[in-house]
């Protein structure tokens, strides 16, 4: 099962890189696109696309670094990482170097969700997308360096993506029952501070 999860993550990673075209995508932005794709899919289907864990880091939610490293190794024939400088800042840009690939485990529905996320967030910079991820309830409810629980997507303000697919009251109660009191307290503390 672990290999399948890794392959699903690798294909989602490749799909998002390929959507960026020849110019590539800044790696920080790519990590947030992965997160938002998995979170939105969880919002709709109660499971993420990739099945990997995300963690609350200083620059926002990021997948397990071991999984990222393994995915880049698996994709080394088709994906390139390059160091670039923009406005005096160094950044890592990831791009597709070969179009000789196919998706074997990523479903059409999963690609559709990732595509919707790209359409919504592609115009944002890596910094803007990172800032936005810091306001997402699953991120807010996690402890620093702790694992992010996607069940908190139920506490998002409605967006154009989740209005049609939002959970009904019974689903919300069932998922909320699985969320620890400590996590809820952190989320509500943030909401009160923002009010």
N, C-alpha and C. Protein backbone atom coordinates (compact mmCIF):
# COMPACT_ATOMS: atom_id res chain seq x y z
N UNK A 1 0.83 -1.21 0.00
CA UNK A 1 0.00 0.00 0.00
C UNK A 1 0.86 1.26 0.00
N UNK A 2 1.99 1.23 0.68
CA UNK A 2 2.86 2.40 0.75
C UNK A 2 3.36 2.80 -0.62
N UNK A 3 3.67 1.83 -1.49
CA UNK A 3 4.16 2.13 -2.84
C UNK A 3 3.06 2.82 -3.63
N UNK A 4 1.84 2.36 -3.53
CA UNK A 4 0.73 2.97 -4.25
C UNK A 4 0.53 4.42 -3.81
N UNK A 5 0.58 4.66 -2.52
CA UNK A 5 0.45 6.02 -2.01
C UNK A 5 1.56 6.90 -2.58
N UNK A 6 2.77 6.38 -2.60
CA UNK A 6 3.89 7.13 -3.15
C UNK A 6 3.68 7.39 -4.64
N UNK A 7 3.18 6.40 -5.37
CA UNK A 7 2.94 6.58 -6.80
C UNK A 7 1.83 7.60 -7.03
N UNK A 8 0.79 7.57 -6.22
CA UNK A 8 -0.30 8.54 -6.34
C UNK A 8 0.23 9.94 -6.08
N UNK A 9 1.05 10.09 -5.03
CA UNK A 9 1.64 11.39 -4.72
C UNK A 9 2.55 11.84 -5.87
N UNK A 10 3.36 10.94 -6.38
CA UNK A 10 4.27 11.28 -7.48
C UNK A 10 3.50 11.76 -8.70
N UNK A 11 2.40 11.09 -9.01
CA UNK A 11 1.60 11.50 -10.16
C UNK A 11 0.90 12.83 -9.93
N UNK A 12 0.43 13.09 -8.71
CA UNK A 12 -0.18 14.38 -8.40
C UNK A 12 0.88 15.48 -8.51
N UNK A 13 2.06 15.22 -7.99
CA UNK A 13 3.17 16.16 -8.09
C UNK A 13 3.48 16.46 -9.55
N UNK A 14 3.60 15.43 -10.37
CA UNK A 14 3.89 15.58 -11.79
C UNK A 14 2.77 16.34 -12.49
N UNK A 15 1.53 16.03 -12.17
CA UNK A 15 0.40 16.70 -12.80
C UNK A 15 0.45 18.21 -12.54
N UNK A 16 0.72 18.59 -11.29
CA UNK A 16 0.77 20.01 -10.94
C UNK A 16 1.97 20.72 -11.59
N UNK A 17 3.09 20.03 -11.69
CA UNK A 17 4.26 20.60 -12.37
C UNK A 17 3.96 20.79 -13.84
N UNK A 18 3.35 19.78 -14.46
CA UNK A 18 3.03 19.85 -15.89
C UNK A 18 2.04 20.98 -16.17
N UNK A 19 1.11 21.25 -15.25
CA UNK A 19 0.14 22.33 -15.44
C UNK A 19 0.83 23.69 -15.51
N UNK A 20 2.01 23.81 -14.92
CA UNK A 20 2.74 25.08 -14.93
C UNK A 20 3.39 25.37 -16.27
N UNK A 21 3.47 24.37 -17.14
CA UNK A 21 4.05 24.58 -18.47
C UNK A 21 5.57 24.62 -18.44
N UNK A 22 6.14 25.17 -19.49
CA UNK A 22 7.60 25.17 -19.66
C UNK A 22 8.34 26.03 -18.65
N UNK A 23 7.69 27.05 -18.10
CA UNK A 23 8.39 27.92 -17.15
C UNK A 23 8.58 27.26 -15.80
N UNK A 24 7.76 26.27 -15.49
CA UNK A 24 7.87 25.58 -14.22
C UNK A 24 7.12 26.30 -13.11
N UNK A 25 7.29 25.79 -11.91
CA UNK A 25 6.60 26.32 -10.74
C UNK A 25 7.59 26.39 -9.58
N UNK A 26 7.53 27.48 -8.81
CA UNK A 26 8.37 27.61 -7.63
C UNK A 26 7.98 26.50 -6.65
N UNK A 27 8.98 25.86 -6.08
CA UNK A 27 8.73 24.69 -5.23
C UNK A 27 7.82 25.01 -4.05
N UNK A 28 7.96 26.17 -3.44
CA UNK A 28 7.09 26.56 -2.33
C UNK A 28 5.63 26.59 -2.78
N UNK A 29 5.39 27.17 -3.94
CA UNK A 29 4.04 27.23 -4.48
C UNK A 29 3.53 25.82 -4.79
N UNK A 30 4.40 24.98 -5.31
CA UNK A 30 4.03 23.60 -5.63
C UNK A 30 3.56 22.86 -4.37
N UNK A 31 4.26 23.05 -3.25
CA UNK A 31 3.87 22.38 -2.01
C UNK A 31 2.48 22.82 -1.57
N UNK A 32 2.16 24.10 -1.76
CA UNK A 32 0.84 24.59 -1.37
C UNK A 32 -0.24 24.10 -2.33
N UNK A 33 0.08 24.00 -3.61
CA UNK A 33 -0.88 23.44 -4.58
C UNK A 33 -1.18 21.97 -4.26
N UNK A 34 -0.16 21.24 -3.85
CA UNK A 34 -0.37 19.84 -3.41
C UNK A 34 -1.31 19.81 -2.22
N UNK A 35 -1.02 20.66 -1.24
CA UNK A 35 -1.84 20.71 -0.03
C UNK A 35 -3.29 21.05 -0.34
N UNK A 36 -3.50 22.13 -1.11
CA UNK A 36 -4.87 22.54 -1.41
C UNK A 36 -5.60 21.50 -2.26
N UNK A 37 -4.89 20.81 -3.15
CA UNK A 37 -5.52 19.74 -3.94
C UNK A 37 -5.97 18.60 -3.04
N UNK A 38 -5.09 18.17 -2.15
CA UNK A 38 -5.44 17.09 -1.23
C UNK A 38 -6.55 17.52 -0.27
N UNK A 39 -6.48 18.74 0.25
CA UNK A 39 -7.50 19.22 1.18
C UNK A 39 -8.87 19.34 0.50
N UNK A 40 -8.88 19.86 -0.72
CA UNK A 40 -10.16 20.01 -1.42
C UNK A 40 -10.76 18.65 -1.76
N UNK A 41 -9.92 17.71 -2.16
CA UNK A 41 -10.43 16.38 -2.46
C UNK A 41 -11.00 15.74 -1.18
N UNK A 42 -10.31 15.96 -0.06
CA UNK A 42 -10.82 15.46 1.22
C UNK A 42 -12.17 16.10 1.53
N UNK A 43 -12.31 17.37 1.24
CA UNK A 43 -13.56 18.07 1.47
C UNK A 43 -14.72 17.39 0.72
N UNK A 44 -14.43 16.88 -0.45
CA UNK A 44 -15.47 16.26 -1.28
C UNK A 44 -15.66 14.77 -1.01
N UNK A 45 -14.57 14.05 -0.76
CA UNK A 45 -14.64 12.58 -0.69
C UNK A 45 -14.21 11.98 0.64
N UNK A 46 -13.87 12.81 1.60
CA UNK A 46 -13.45 12.35 2.94
C UNK A 46 -12.14 11.54 2.90
N UNK A 47 -11.34 11.76 1.87
CA UNK A 47 -10.00 11.18 1.79
C UNK A 47 -9.19 12.09 0.87
N UNK A 48 -7.88 12.11 1.07
CA UNK A 48 -7.05 12.95 0.21
C UNK A 48 -6.70 12.19 -1.07
N UNK A 49 -6.18 12.90 -2.04
CA UNK A 49 -5.76 12.25 -3.29
C UNK A 49 -4.55 11.37 -3.03
N UNK A 50 -3.54 11.96 -2.42
CA UNK A 50 -2.25 11.27 -2.30
C UNK A 50 -2.16 10.30 -1.14
N UNK A 51 -2.89 10.58 -0.07
CA UNK A 51 -2.80 9.73 1.12
C UNK A 51 -1.58 10.02 1.99
N UNK A 52 -0.78 11.04 1.65
CA UNK A 52 0.41 11.35 2.45
C UNK A 52 0.06 12.33 3.56
N UNK A 53 0.89 12.36 4.57
CA UNK A 53 0.71 13.28 5.69
C UNK A 53 1.31 14.64 5.35
N UNK A 54 0.64 15.69 5.80
CA UNK A 54 1.14 17.06 5.70
C UNK A 54 1.40 17.55 7.12
N UNK A 55 2.35 18.47 7.24
CA UNK A 55 2.74 18.97 8.55
C UNK A 55 2.70 20.49 8.59
N UNK A 56 2.44 21.02 9.77
CA UNK A 56 2.39 22.47 9.96
C UNK A 56 3.82 22.97 10.17
N UNK A 57 4.38 23.57 9.14
CA UNK A 57 5.71 24.13 9.19
C UNK A 57 5.63 25.65 9.15
N UNK A 58 6.75 26.30 9.42
CA UNK A 58 6.80 27.76 9.48
C UNK A 58 6.26 28.42 8.21
N UNK A 59 6.58 27.86 7.03
CA UNK A 59 6.15 28.45 5.76
C UNK A 59 4.83 27.88 5.25
N UNK A 60 4.12 27.18 6.11
CA UNK A 60 2.83 26.63 5.72
C UNK A 60 2.83 25.11 5.69
N UNK A 61 1.74 24.54 5.22
CA UNK A 61 1.64 23.08 5.18
C UNK A 61 2.56 22.48 4.13
N UNK A 62 3.26 21.43 4.50
CA UNK A 62 4.12 20.72 3.55
C UNK A 62 3.98 19.23 3.76
N UNK A 63 4.09 18.48 2.66
CA UNK A 63 4.05 17.02 2.80
C UNK A 63 5.30 16.51 3.51
N UNK A 64 5.24 15.30 3.96
CA UNK A 64 6.39 14.63 4.57
C UNK A 64 7.58 14.72 3.61
N UNK A 65 8.71 15.25 4.06
CA UNK A 65 9.87 15.47 3.21
C UNK A 65 10.42 14.17 2.62
N UNK A 66 10.28 13.06 3.33
CA UNK A 66 10.76 11.78 2.79
C UNK A 66 9.95 11.38 1.57
N UNK A 67 8.66 11.68 1.58
CA UNK A 67 7.80 11.36 0.45
C UNK A 67 8.16 12.25 -0.75
N UNK A 68 8.41 13.53 -0.48
CA UNK A 68 8.79 14.46 -1.56
C UNK A 68 10.09 13.99 -2.21
N UNK A 69 11.08 13.68 -1.38
CA UNK A 69 12.38 13.22 -1.89
C UNK A 69 12.22 11.97 -2.75
N UNK A 70 11.43 11.02 -2.26
CA UNK A 70 11.20 9.77 -3.01
C UNK A 70 10.48 10.06 -4.33
N UNK A 71 9.53 10.97 -4.31
CA UNK A 71 8.79 11.30 -5.53
C UNK A 71 9.71 11.95 -6.57
N UNK A 72 10.56 12.88 -6.13
CA UNK A 72 11.51 13.50 -7.07
C UNK A 72 12.45 12.45 -7.67
N UNK A 73 12.87 11.49 -6.86
CA UNK A 73 13.73 10.42 -7.38
C UNK A 73 12.99 9.59 -8.42
N UNK A 74 11.74 9.25 -8.14
CA UNK A 74 10.94 8.47 -9.08
C UNK A 74 10.69 9.22 -10.39
N UNK A 75 10.63 10.54 -10.31
CA UNK A 75 10.31 11.37 -11.48
C UNK A 75 11.55 11.99 -12.13
N UNK A 76 12.73 11.55 -11.74
CA UNK A 76 13.96 12.20 -12.22
C UNK A 76 14.12 12.17 -13.74
N UNK A 77 13.50 11.25 -14.42
CA UNK A 77 13.58 11.21 -15.89
C UNK A 77 12.71 12.26 -16.57
N UNK A 78 11.70 12.75 -15.85
CA UNK A 78 10.76 13.68 -16.48
C UNK A 78 10.67 15.05 -15.81
N UNK A 79 11.25 15.19 -14.62
CA UNK A 79 11.16 16.44 -13.86
C UNK A 79 12.56 16.95 -13.52
N UNK A 80 12.76 18.26 -13.63
CA UNK A 80 14.03 18.88 -13.27
C UNK A 80 13.81 19.97 -12.23
N UNK A 81 14.73 20.04 -11.26
CA UNK A 81 14.73 21.12 -10.27
C UNK A 81 15.88 22.04 -10.61
N UNK A 82 15.61 23.34 -10.62
CA UNK A 82 16.63 24.32 -10.96
C UNK A 82 16.64 25.43 -9.92
N UNK A 83 17.83 25.91 -9.59
CA UNK A 83 17.95 27.06 -8.70
C UNK A 83 17.94 28.31 -9.57
N UNK A 84 17.09 29.25 -9.24
CA UNK A 84 17.01 30.53 -9.97
C UNK A 84 17.03 31.66 -8.97
N UNK A 85 17.38 32.84 -9.48
CA UNK A 85 17.35 34.05 -8.67
C UNK A 85 16.36 35.02 -9.29
N UNK A 86 15.48 35.54 -8.45
CA UNK A 86 14.49 36.51 -8.90
C UNK A 86 14.45 37.64 -7.87
N UNK A 87 14.69 38.87 -8.32
CA UNK A 87 14.72 40.03 -7.42
C UNK A 87 15.67 39.81 -6.24
N UNK A 88 16.81 39.17 -6.52
CA UNK A 88 17.82 38.94 -5.48
C UNK A 88 17.53 37.78 -4.56
N UNK A 89 16.43 37.08 -4.76
CA UNK A 89 16.08 35.94 -3.90
C UNK A 89 16.29 34.64 -4.67
N UNK A 90 16.92 33.67 -4.00
CA UNK A 90 17.11 32.35 -4.60
C UNK A 90 15.85 31.53 -4.39
N UNK A 91 15.51 30.77 -5.41
CA UNK A 91 14.34 29.90 -5.30
C UNK A 91 14.57 28.65 -6.12
N UNK A 92 13.86 27.60 -5.76
CA UNK A 92 13.90 26.36 -6.53
C UNK A 92 12.67 26.31 -7.41
N UNK A 93 12.91 26.11 -8.70
CA UNK A 93 11.82 25.99 -9.67
C UNK A 93 11.83 24.57 -10.20
N UNK A 94 10.64 23.97 -10.27
CA UNK A 94 10.50 22.60 -10.76
C UNK A 94 9.75 22.66 -12.08
N UNK A 95 10.26 21.95 -13.07
CA UNK A 95 9.62 21.94 -14.38
C UNK A 95 9.68 20.55 -14.99
N UNK A 96 8.83 20.33 -15.97
CA UNK A 96 8.84 19.07 -16.71
C UNK A 96 9.93 19.18 -17.77
N UNK A 97 10.83 18.20 -17.81
CA UNK A 97 11.90 18.23 -18.81
C UNK A 97 11.63 17.25 -19.95
N UNK A 98 10.68 16.36 -19.76
CA UNK A 98 10.30 15.40 -20.81
C UNK A 98 8.80 15.20 -20.75
N UNK A 99 8.16 15.17 -21.88
CA UNK A 99 6.71 14.96 -21.91
C UNK A 99 6.38 13.48 -22.13
N UNK A 100 7.36 12.65 -21.92
CA UNK A 100 7.20 11.20 -22.10
C UNK A 100 6.76 10.56 -20.78
N UNK A 101 5.50 10.78 -20.43
CA UNK A 101 4.96 10.20 -19.22
C UNK A 101 3.46 10.01 -19.38
N UNK A 102 2.90 9.19 -18.52
CA UNK A 102 1.45 8.99 -18.49
C UNK A 102 1.05 8.79 -17.03
N UNK A 103 -0.23 8.98 -16.77
CA UNK A 103 -0.75 8.81 -15.42
C UNK A 103 -1.40 7.44 -15.33
N UNK A 104 -0.92 6.65 -14.37
CA UNK A 104 -1.43 5.29 -14.24
C UNK A 104 -2.41 5.12 -13.07
N UNK A 105 -2.24 5.90 -12.00
CA UNK A 105 -3.11 5.73 -10.83
C UNK A 105 -3.93 6.97 -10.49
N UNK A 106 -3.57 8.12 -11.03
CA UNK A 106 -4.33 9.34 -10.78
C UNK A 106 -5.61 9.30 -11.61
N UNK A 107 -6.75 9.43 -10.94
CA UNK A 107 -8.03 9.31 -11.63
C UNK A 107 -8.41 10.63 -12.29
N UNK A 108 -9.39 10.56 -13.17
CA UNK A 108 -9.89 11.76 -13.84
C UNK A 108 -10.47 12.75 -12.83
N UNK A 109 -11.19 12.26 -11.85
CA UNK A 109 -11.76 13.13 -10.83
C UNK A 109 -10.67 13.82 -10.01
N UNK A 110 -9.61 13.09 -9.67
CA UNK A 110 -8.50 13.66 -8.91
C UNK A 110 -7.79 14.75 -9.73
N UNK A 111 -7.60 14.47 -11.03
CA UNK A 111 -6.98 15.47 -11.89
C UNK A 111 -7.87 16.70 -12.04
N UNK A 112 -9.18 16.48 -12.06
CA UNK A 112 -10.13 17.59 -12.18
C UNK A 112 -10.03 18.52 -10.97
N UNK A 113 -9.94 17.94 -9.77
CA UNK A 113 -9.81 18.75 -8.55
C UNK A 113 -8.48 19.52 -8.58
N UNK A 114 -7.40 18.84 -8.93
CA UNK A 114 -6.08 19.51 -9.01
C UNK A 114 -6.11 20.63 -10.05
N UNK A 115 -6.79 20.40 -11.16
CA UNK A 115 -6.92 21.41 -12.20
C UNK A 115 -7.70 22.62 -11.69
N UNK A 116 -8.78 22.39 -10.94
CA UNK A 116 -9.56 23.49 -10.36
C UNK A 116 -8.71 24.31 -9.40
N UNK A 117 -7.91 23.62 -8.59
CA UNK A 117 -7.02 24.31 -7.65
C UNK A 117 -6.02 25.18 -8.42
N UNK A 118 -5.46 24.64 -9.50
CA UNK A 118 -4.52 25.42 -10.32
C UNK A 118 -5.18 26.66 -10.91
N UNK A 119 -6.41 26.52 -11.38
CA UNK A 119 -7.13 27.66 -11.96
C UNK A 119 -7.35 28.75 -10.92
N UNK A 120 -7.70 28.35 -9.71
CA UNK A 120 -8.00 29.32 -8.66
C UNK A 120 -6.74 30.01 -8.15
N UNK A 121 -5.66 29.25 -7.97
CA UNK A 121 -4.48 29.78 -7.29
C UNK A 121 -3.29 30.08 -8.19
N UNK A 122 -3.37 29.81 -9.47
CA UNK A 122 -2.19 29.97 -10.33
C UNK A 122 -1.71 31.41 -10.43
N UNK A 123 -2.58 32.39 -10.26
CA UNK A 123 -2.17 33.78 -10.36
C UNK A 123 -1.53 34.32 -9.08
N UNK A 124 -1.57 33.54 -8.02
CA UNK A 124 -0.98 33.98 -6.76
C UNK A 124 0.51 33.65 -6.74
N UNK A 125 1.28 34.50 -6.08
CA UNK A 125 2.71 34.21 -5.91
C UNK A 125 2.87 33.13 -4.84
N UNK A 126 4.08 32.62 -4.73
CA UNK A 126 4.37 31.62 -3.69
C UNK A 126 4.11 32.20 -2.31
N UNK A 127 4.47 33.46 -2.10
CA UNK A 127 4.27 34.12 -0.80
C UNK A 127 2.77 34.28 -0.52
N UNK A 128 2.02 34.72 -1.51
CA UNK A 128 0.57 34.89 -1.31
C UNK A 128 -0.12 33.56 -1.02
N UNK A 129 0.28 32.53 -1.74
CA UNK A 129 -0.32 31.21 -1.54
C UNK A 129 0.07 30.64 -0.17
N UNK A 130 1.30 30.89 0.23
CA UNK A 130 1.74 30.46 1.56
C UNK A 130 0.95 31.18 2.64
N UNK A 131 0.77 32.51 2.48
CA UNK A 131 -0.03 33.28 3.45
C UNK A 131 -1.46 32.74 3.54
N UNK A 132 -2.04 32.42 2.39
CA UNK A 132 -3.39 31.89 2.36
C UNK A 132 -3.48 30.54 3.08
N UNK A 133 -2.47 29.71 2.89
CA UNK A 133 -2.47 28.39 3.54
C UNK A 133 -2.40 28.53 5.06
N UNK A 134 -1.80 29.61 5.55
CA UNK A 134 -1.71 29.83 6.99
C UNK A 134 -3.07 30.15 7.61
N UNK A 135 -4.05 30.47 6.78
CA UNK A 135 -5.39 30.79 7.28
C UNK A 135 -6.37 29.63 7.13
N UNK A 136 -5.90 28.52 6.58
CA UNK A 136 -6.77 27.38 6.35
C UNK A 136 -7.00 26.62 7.66
N UNK A 137 -8.25 26.31 8.01
CA UNK A 137 -8.53 25.65 9.28
C UNK A 137 -7.70 24.39 9.58
N UNK A 138 -7.46 23.48 8.62
CA UNK A 138 -6.63 22.32 8.97
C UNK A 138 -5.22 22.73 9.45
N UNK A 139 -4.65 23.75 8.81
CA UNK A 139 -3.34 24.25 9.23
C UNK A 139 -3.41 24.89 10.60
N UNK A 140 -4.43 25.72 10.81
CA UNK A 140 -4.58 26.43 12.08
C UNK A 140 -4.77 25.49 13.26
N UNK A 141 -5.43 24.39 13.05
CA UNK A 141 -5.75 23.47 14.14
C UNK A 141 -4.57 22.57 14.52
N UNK A 142 -3.57 22.49 13.66
CA UNK A 142 -2.42 21.61 13.94
C UNK A 142 -1.43 22.30 14.87
N UNK A 143 -0.75 21.51 15.66
CA UNK A 143 0.33 22.02 16.50
C UNK A 143 1.53 22.34 15.60
N UNK A 144 2.38 23.29 16.01
CA UNK A 144 3.59 23.55 15.22
C UNK A 144 4.39 22.25 15.01
N UNK A 145 4.77 22.02 13.79
CA UNK A 145 5.50 20.81 13.34
C UNK A 145 4.62 19.56 13.42
N UNK A 146 3.35 19.72 13.79
CA UNK A 146 2.45 18.58 13.93
C UNK A 146 1.76 18.22 12.63
N UNK A 147 1.20 17.04 12.63
CA UNK A 147 0.46 16.52 11.47
C UNK A 147 -0.84 17.29 11.31
N UNK A 148 -1.17 17.60 10.08
CA UNK A 148 -2.40 18.33 9.75
C UNK A 148 -3.54 17.33 9.57
N UNK A 149 -4.67 17.63 10.18
CA UNK A 149 -5.86 16.78 10.07
C UNK A 149 -6.83 17.44 9.09
N UNK A 150 -7.01 16.81 7.94
CA UNK A 150 -7.88 17.37 6.91
C UNK A 150 -9.35 17.45 7.33
N UNK A 151 -9.72 16.81 8.42
CA UNK A 151 -11.11 16.88 8.86
C UNK A 151 -11.54 18.31 9.16
N UNK A 152 -10.58 19.18 9.40
CA UNK A 152 -10.89 20.58 9.69
C UNK A 152 -11.33 21.36 8.46
N UNK A 153 -11.31 20.76 7.27
CA UNK A 153 -11.82 21.47 6.09
C UNK A 153 -13.29 21.82 6.28
N UNK A 154 -13.98 21.10 7.15
CA UNK A 154 -15.39 21.39 7.39
C UNK A 154 -15.59 22.77 8.02
N UNK A 155 -14.52 23.35 8.56
CA UNK A 155 -14.62 24.66 9.20
C UNK A 155 -14.22 25.80 8.26
N UNK A 156 -13.97 25.48 7.01
CA UNK A 156 -13.64 26.52 6.03
C UNK A 156 -14.86 27.37 5.75
N UNK A 157 -14.60 28.64 5.42
CA UNK A 157 -15.66 29.46 4.87
C UNK A 157 -15.92 28.91 3.48
N UNK A 158 -17.14 28.94 3.03
CA UNK A 158 -17.47 28.40 1.72
C UNK A 158 -16.78 29.17 0.62
N UNK A 159 -16.24 28.42 -0.32
CA UNK A 159 -15.63 28.99 -1.52
C UNK A 159 -16.41 28.49 -2.71
N UNK A 160 -16.07 28.96 -3.88
CA UNK A 160 -16.75 28.47 -5.08
C UNK A 160 -16.53 26.98 -5.27
N UNK A 161 -15.44 26.44 -4.72
CA UNK A 161 -15.17 25.01 -4.87
C UNK A 161 -16.05 24.14 -4.00
N UNK A 162 -16.31 24.59 -2.76
CA UNK A 162 -16.97 23.66 -1.85
C UNK A 162 -18.45 23.91 -1.60
N UNK A 163 -19.05 24.90 -2.23
CA UNK A 163 -20.47 25.17 -1.98
C UNK A 163 -21.34 23.99 -2.43
N UNK A 164 -21.10 23.49 -3.63
CA UNK A 164 -21.91 22.37 -4.13
C UNK A 164 -21.64 21.09 -3.36
N UNK A 165 -20.39 20.89 -2.97
CA UNK A 165 -19.99 19.62 -2.40
C UNK A 165 -19.85 19.64 -0.88
N UNK A 166 -20.28 20.71 -0.22
CA UNK A 166 -20.04 20.81 1.21
C UNK A 166 -20.78 19.70 1.96
N UNK A 167 -20.21 19.35 3.10
CA UNK A 167 -20.76 18.25 3.89
C UNK A 167 -22.10 18.65 4.50
N UNK A 168 -22.99 17.68 4.58
CA UNK A 168 -24.26 17.95 5.23
C UNK A 168 -24.06 17.94 6.76
N UNK A 169 -25.07 18.32 7.49
CA UNK A 169 -24.93 18.44 8.95
C UNK A 169 -24.54 17.13 9.62
N UNK A 170 -25.10 16.03 9.18
CA UNK A 170 -24.78 14.73 9.78
C UNK A 170 -23.30 14.38 9.55
N UNK A 171 -22.80 14.60 8.33
CA UNK A 171 -21.38 14.36 8.03
C UNK A 171 -20.50 15.25 8.90
N UNK A 172 -20.90 16.51 9.08
CA UNK A 172 -20.12 17.44 9.90
C UNK A 172 -20.05 16.96 11.35
N UNK A 173 -21.18 16.52 11.89
CA UNK A 173 -21.19 16.03 13.27
C UNK A 173 -20.32 14.79 13.42
N UNK A 174 -20.40 13.88 12.46
CA UNK A 174 -19.62 12.64 12.52
C UNK A 174 -18.12 12.94 12.48
N UNK A 175 -17.70 13.81 11.57
CA UNK A 175 -16.28 14.15 11.47
C UNK A 175 -15.84 14.95 12.69
N UNK A 176 -16.66 15.89 13.13
CA UNK A 176 -16.30 16.72 14.29
C UNK A 176 -16.11 15.87 15.54
N UNK A 177 -16.82 14.78 15.67
CA UNK A 177 -16.68 13.91 16.82
C UNK A 177 -15.28 13.28 16.88
N UNK A 178 -14.60 13.17 15.74
CA UNK A 178 -13.26 12.59 15.68
C UNK A 178 -12.16 13.60 15.94
N UNK A 179 -12.49 14.87 16.07
CA UNK A 179 -11.49 15.92 16.25
C UNK A 179 -11.26 16.14 17.74
N UNK A 180 -10.01 16.19 18.15
CA UNK A 180 -9.70 16.34 19.57
C UNK A 180 -10.12 17.72 20.09
N UNK A 181 -10.43 17.76 21.37
CA UNK A 181 -10.81 19.02 22.01
C UNK A 181 -9.67 20.03 21.93
N UNK A 182 -8.42 19.54 22.05
CA UNK A 182 -7.24 20.41 21.99
C UNK A 182 -7.14 21.08 20.62
N UNK A 183 -7.36 20.33 19.56
CA UNK A 183 -7.31 20.90 18.20
C UNK A 183 -8.43 21.91 17.99
N UNK A 184 -9.62 21.58 18.45
CA UNK A 184 -10.74 22.53 18.32
C UNK A 184 -10.45 23.81 19.09
N UNK A 185 -9.87 23.68 20.26
CA UNK A 185 -9.56 24.86 21.06
C UNK A 185 -8.58 25.76 20.33
N UNK A 186 -7.54 25.18 19.68
CA UNK A 186 -6.58 25.98 18.93
C UNK A 186 -7.26 26.70 17.77
N UNK A 187 -8.15 26.01 17.07
CA UNK A 187 -8.85 26.63 15.95
C UNK A 187 -9.75 27.77 16.44
N UNK A 188 -10.52 27.54 17.48
CA UNK A 188 -11.43 28.56 17.97
C UNK A 188 -10.66 29.74 18.56
N UNK A 189 -9.51 29.47 19.18
CA UNK A 189 -8.67 30.55 19.71
C UNK A 189 -8.22 31.46 18.57
N UNK A 190 -7.84 30.87 17.45
CA UNK A 190 -7.42 31.67 16.29
C UNK A 190 -8.60 32.47 15.75
N UNK A 191 -9.76 31.86 15.64
CA UNK A 191 -10.93 32.54 15.10
C UNK A 191 -11.30 33.74 16.00
N UNK A 192 -11.26 33.55 17.31
CA UNK A 192 -11.57 34.66 18.23
C UNK A 192 -10.54 35.78 18.07
N UNK A 193 -9.28 35.43 17.90
CA UNK A 193 -8.22 36.45 17.75
C UNK A 193 -8.40 37.24 16.46
N UNK A 194 -8.94 36.61 15.43
CA UNK A 194 -9.13 37.26 14.13
C UNK A 194 -10.39 38.13 14.11
N UNK A 195 -11.31 37.90 15.05
CA UNK A 195 -12.58 38.63 15.06
C UNK A 195 -12.45 40.01 15.63
